[in-house]
Amino acid sequence: MKFKTTLLAIMFCGALTFSCRNTQKEQKELDRQIEEIESVEQVIDSTAEEIHKKAEEVDELIKQLDSI
């Protein structure tokens, strides 16, 4: 009985250790994906700002043409 209890405890510790390793790998992958997403968000925000500025320029040029 003592052998089974010891074996069960060793198996539990091994499973826990293996599980933690997988969790760390998954966390690293999630962190990498989050960084990539944030990078894409920055590009999108920058592009949106450029589009907004160009739209304002176009509106101003249209107003100038209308006043001619």
N, C-alpha and C. Protein backbone atom coordinates (compact mmCIF):
# COMPACT_ATOMS: atom_id res chain seq x y z
N MET A 1 0.83 -1.19 0.00
CA MET A 1 0.00 0.00 0.00
C MET A 1 0.87 1.25 0.00
N LYS A 2 1.96 1.21 0.79
CA LYS A 2 2.84 2.36 0.86
C LYS A 2 3.47 2.63 -0.51
N PHE A 3 3.80 1.55 -1.23
CA PHE A 3 4.40 1.68 -2.55
C PHE A 3 3.43 2.37 -3.51
N LYS A 4 2.17 1.99 -3.46
CA LYS A 4 1.16 2.59 -4.34
C LYS A 4 0.97 4.07 -4.02
N THR A 5 0.97 4.41 -2.75
CA THR A 5 0.83 5.80 -2.34
C THR A 5 2.02 6.63 -2.80
N THR A 6 3.22 6.08 -2.63
CA THR A 6 4.43 6.78 -3.07
C THR A 6 4.42 6.95 -4.58
N LEU A 7 4.08 5.88 -5.29
CA LEU A 7 4.03 5.93 -6.75
C LEU A 7 3.00 6.96 -7.21
N LEU A 8 1.86 6.99 -6.56
CA LEU A 8 0.82 7.95 -6.90
C LEU A 8 1.31 9.38 -6.67
N ALA A 9 2.01 9.62 -5.57
CA ALA A 9 2.55 10.95 -5.28
C ALA A 9 3.59 11.36 -6.32
N ILE A 10 4.45 10.43 -6.72
CA ILE A 10 5.46 10.73 -7.74
C ILE A 10 4.79 11.04 -9.07
N MET A 11 3.79 10.27 -9.43
CA MET A 11 3.08 10.51 -10.69
C MET A 11 2.38 11.87 -10.66
N PHE A 12 1.80 12.21 -9.53
CA PHE A 12 1.12 13.50 -9.41
C PHE A 12 2.12 14.64 -9.57
N CYS A 13 3.27 14.54 -8.90
CA CYS A 13 4.30 15.59 -9.01
C CYS A 13 4.81 15.70 -10.44
N GLY A 14 5.00 14.57 -11.10
CA GLY A 14 5.45 14.57 -12.49
C GLY A 14 4.43 15.22 -13.40
N ALA A 15 3.17 14.89 -13.21
CA ALA A 15 2.11 15.48 -14.02
C ALA A 15 2.02 16.98 -13.78
N LEU A 16 2.17 17.39 -12.54
CA LEU A 16 2.11 18.81 -12.20
C LEU A 16 3.26 19.56 -12.85
N THR A 17 4.46 18.98 -12.79
CA THR A 17 5.64 19.61 -13.40
C THR A 17 5.45 19.73 -14.91
N PHE A 18 4.99 18.66 -15.55
CA PHE A 18 4.77 18.68 -16.99
C PHE A 18 3.72 19.72 -17.35
N SER A 19 2.67 19.79 -16.56
CA SER A 19 1.60 20.76 -16.80
C SER A 19 2.13 22.19 -16.71
N CYS A 20 2.97 22.46 -15.73
CA CYS A 20 3.53 23.80 -15.57
C CYS A 20 4.41 24.17 -16.75
N ARG A 21 5.15 23.21 -17.27
CA ARG A 21 6.00 23.48 -18.44
C ARG A 21 5.14 23.87 -19.63
N ASN A 22 4.07 23.13 -19.84
CA ASN A 22 3.17 23.46 -20.94
C ASN A 22 2.56 24.83 -20.75
N THR A 23 2.20 25.15 -19.52
CA THR A 23 1.60 26.44 -19.23
C THR A 23 2.59 27.56 -19.54
N GLN A 24 3.85 27.36 -19.19
CA GLN A 24 4.87 28.38 -19.47
C GLN A 24 5.05 28.56 -20.97
N LYS A 25 5.07 27.46 -21.72
CA LYS A 25 5.19 27.54 -23.18
C LYS A 25 3.99 28.27 -23.77
N GLU A 26 2.82 27.91 -23.28
CA GLU A 26 1.60 28.55 -23.77
C GLU A 26 1.61 30.04 -23.45
N GLN A 27 2.08 30.40 -22.25
CA GLN A 27 2.13 31.81 -21.85
C GLN A 27 3.10 32.58 -22.74
N LYS A 28 4.25 31.99 -23.05
CA LYS A 28 5.22 32.64 -23.93
C LYS A 28 4.62 32.86 -25.32
N GLU A 29 3.91 31.86 -25.81
CA GLU A 29 3.28 31.98 -27.13
C GLU A 29 2.19 33.05 -27.10
N LEU A 30 1.40 33.08 -26.03
CA LEU A 30 0.37 34.11 -25.90
C LEU A 30 0.99 35.50 -25.83
N ASP A 31 2.08 35.64 -25.08
CA ASP A 31 2.77 36.93 -24.98
C ASP A 31 3.27 37.38 -26.35
N ARG A 32 3.82 36.43 -27.13
CA ARG A 32 4.31 36.76 -28.47
C ARG A 32 3.15 37.21 -29.37
N GLN A 33 2.04 36.51 -29.28
CA GLN A 33 0.88 36.86 -30.09
C GLN A 33 0.33 38.23 -29.68
N ILE A 34 0.32 38.51 -28.38
CA ILE A 34 -0.16 39.81 -27.91
C ILE A 34 0.73 40.93 -28.43
N GLU A 35 2.04 40.73 -28.39
CA GLU A 35 2.97 41.74 -28.91
C GLU A 35 2.74 41.97 -30.40
N GLU A 36 2.50 40.89 -31.13
CA GLU A 36 2.25 41.00 -32.57
C GLU A 36 0.94 41.76 -32.82
N ILE A 37 -0.08 41.47 -32.05
CA ILE A 37 -1.37 42.15 -32.19
C ILE A 37 -1.23 43.63 -31.87
N GLU A 38 -0.49 43.96 -30.80
CA GLU A 38 -0.29 45.36 -30.44
C GLU A 38 0.47 46.10 -31.53
N SER A 39 1.42 45.43 -32.16
CA SER A 39 2.18 46.03 -33.26
C SER A 39 1.24 46.34 -34.43
N VAL A 40 0.38 45.40 -34.75
CA VAL A 40 -0.58 45.61 -35.84
C VAL A 40 -1.55 46.73 -35.49
N GLU A 41 -1.98 46.80 -34.23
CA GLU A 41 -2.87 47.87 -33.80
C GLU A 41 -2.21 49.23 -33.97
N GLN A 42 -0.92 49.33 -33.67
CA GLN A 42 -0.21 50.59 -33.84
C GLN A 42 -0.17 51.00 -35.31
N VAL A 43 0.06 50.03 -36.19
CA VAL A 43 0.07 50.32 -37.63
C VAL A 43 -1.31 50.78 -38.07
N ILE A 44 -2.34 50.13 -37.60
CA ILE A 44 -3.72 50.50 -37.96
C ILE A 44 -4.03 51.90 -37.47
N ASP A 45 -3.67 52.21 -36.22
CA ASP A 45 -3.91 53.55 -35.68
C ASP A 45 -3.18 54.61 -36.49
N SER A 46 -1.94 54.34 -36.84
CA SER A 46 -1.15 55.28 -37.63
C SER A 46 -1.78 55.50 -39.00
N THR A 47 -2.20 54.42 -39.62
CA THR A 47 -2.84 54.51 -40.94
C THR A 47 -4.16 55.27 -40.85
N ALA A 48 -4.92 55.03 -39.81
CA ALA A 48 -6.20 55.73 -39.63
C ALA A 48 -5.96 57.23 -39.46
N GLU A 49 -4.92 57.61 -38.72
CA GLU A 49 -4.60 59.03 -38.56
C GLU A 49 -4.21 59.65 -39.90
N GLU A 50 -3.40 58.94 -40.68
CA GLU A 50 -3.00 59.45 -42.00
C GLU A 50 -4.22 59.63 -42.90
N ILE A 51 -5.13 58.67 -42.87
CA ILE A 51 -6.34 58.75 -43.69
C ILE A 51 -7.18 59.94 -43.26
N HIS A 52 -7.30 60.16 -41.97
CA HIS A 52 -8.08 61.28 -41.45
C HIS A 52 -7.47 62.61 -41.92
N LYS A 53 -6.15 62.73 -41.85
CA LYS A 53 -5.47 63.95 -42.29
C LYS A 53 -5.69 64.18 -43.78
N LYS A 54 -5.57 63.11 -44.57
CA LYS A 54 -5.79 63.23 -46.02
C LYS A 54 -7.23 63.62 -46.32
N ALA A 55 -8.17 63.07 -45.57
CA ALA A 55 -9.58 63.41 -45.78
C ALA A 55 -9.82 64.89 -45.50
N GLU A 56 -9.18 65.40 -44.45
CA GLU A 56 -9.31 66.83 -44.15
C GLU A 56 -8.71 67.68 -45.27
N GLU A 57 -7.57 67.24 -45.81
CA GLU A 57 -6.95 67.96 -46.92
C GLU A 57 -7.86 67.96 -48.14
N VAL A 58 -8.47 66.82 -48.43
CA VAL A 58 -9.37 66.71 -49.58
C VAL A 58 -10.58 67.62 -49.38
N ASP A 59 -11.15 67.63 -48.18
CA ASP A 59 -12.28 68.51 -47.90
C ASP A 59 -11.90 69.97 -48.12
N GLU A 60 -10.73 70.35 -47.67
CA GLU A 60 -10.27 71.73 -47.84
C GLU A 60 -10.09 72.07 -49.32
N LEU A 61 -9.52 71.13 -50.08
CA LEU A 61 -9.34 71.37 -51.52
C LEU A 61 -10.69 71.46 -52.24
N ILE A 62 -11.64 70.65 -51.83
CA ILE A 62 -12.98 70.72 -52.43
C ILE A 62 -13.62 72.07 -52.14
N LYS A 63 -13.46 72.56 -50.91
CA LYS A 63 -14.00 73.88 -50.56
C LYS A 63 -13.35 74.97 -51.41
N GLN A 64 -12.05 74.85 -51.63
CA GLN A 64 -11.35 75.84 -52.45
C GLN A 64 -11.85 75.79 -53.89
N LEU A 65 -12.08 74.59 -54.41
CA LEU A 65 -12.59 74.47 -55.78
C LEU A 65 -14.01 75.03 -55.89
N ASP A 66 -14.82 74.79 -54.88
CA ASP A 66 -16.19 75.30 -54.88
C ASP A 66 -16.23 76.82 -54.85
N SER A 67 -15.24 77.42 -54.20
CA SER A 67 -15.23 78.88 -54.09
C SER A 67 -14.72 79.56 -55.36
N ILE A 68 -14.17 78.80 -56.29
CA ILE A 68 -13.66 79.40 -57.54
C ILE A 68 -14.79 79.73 -58.48
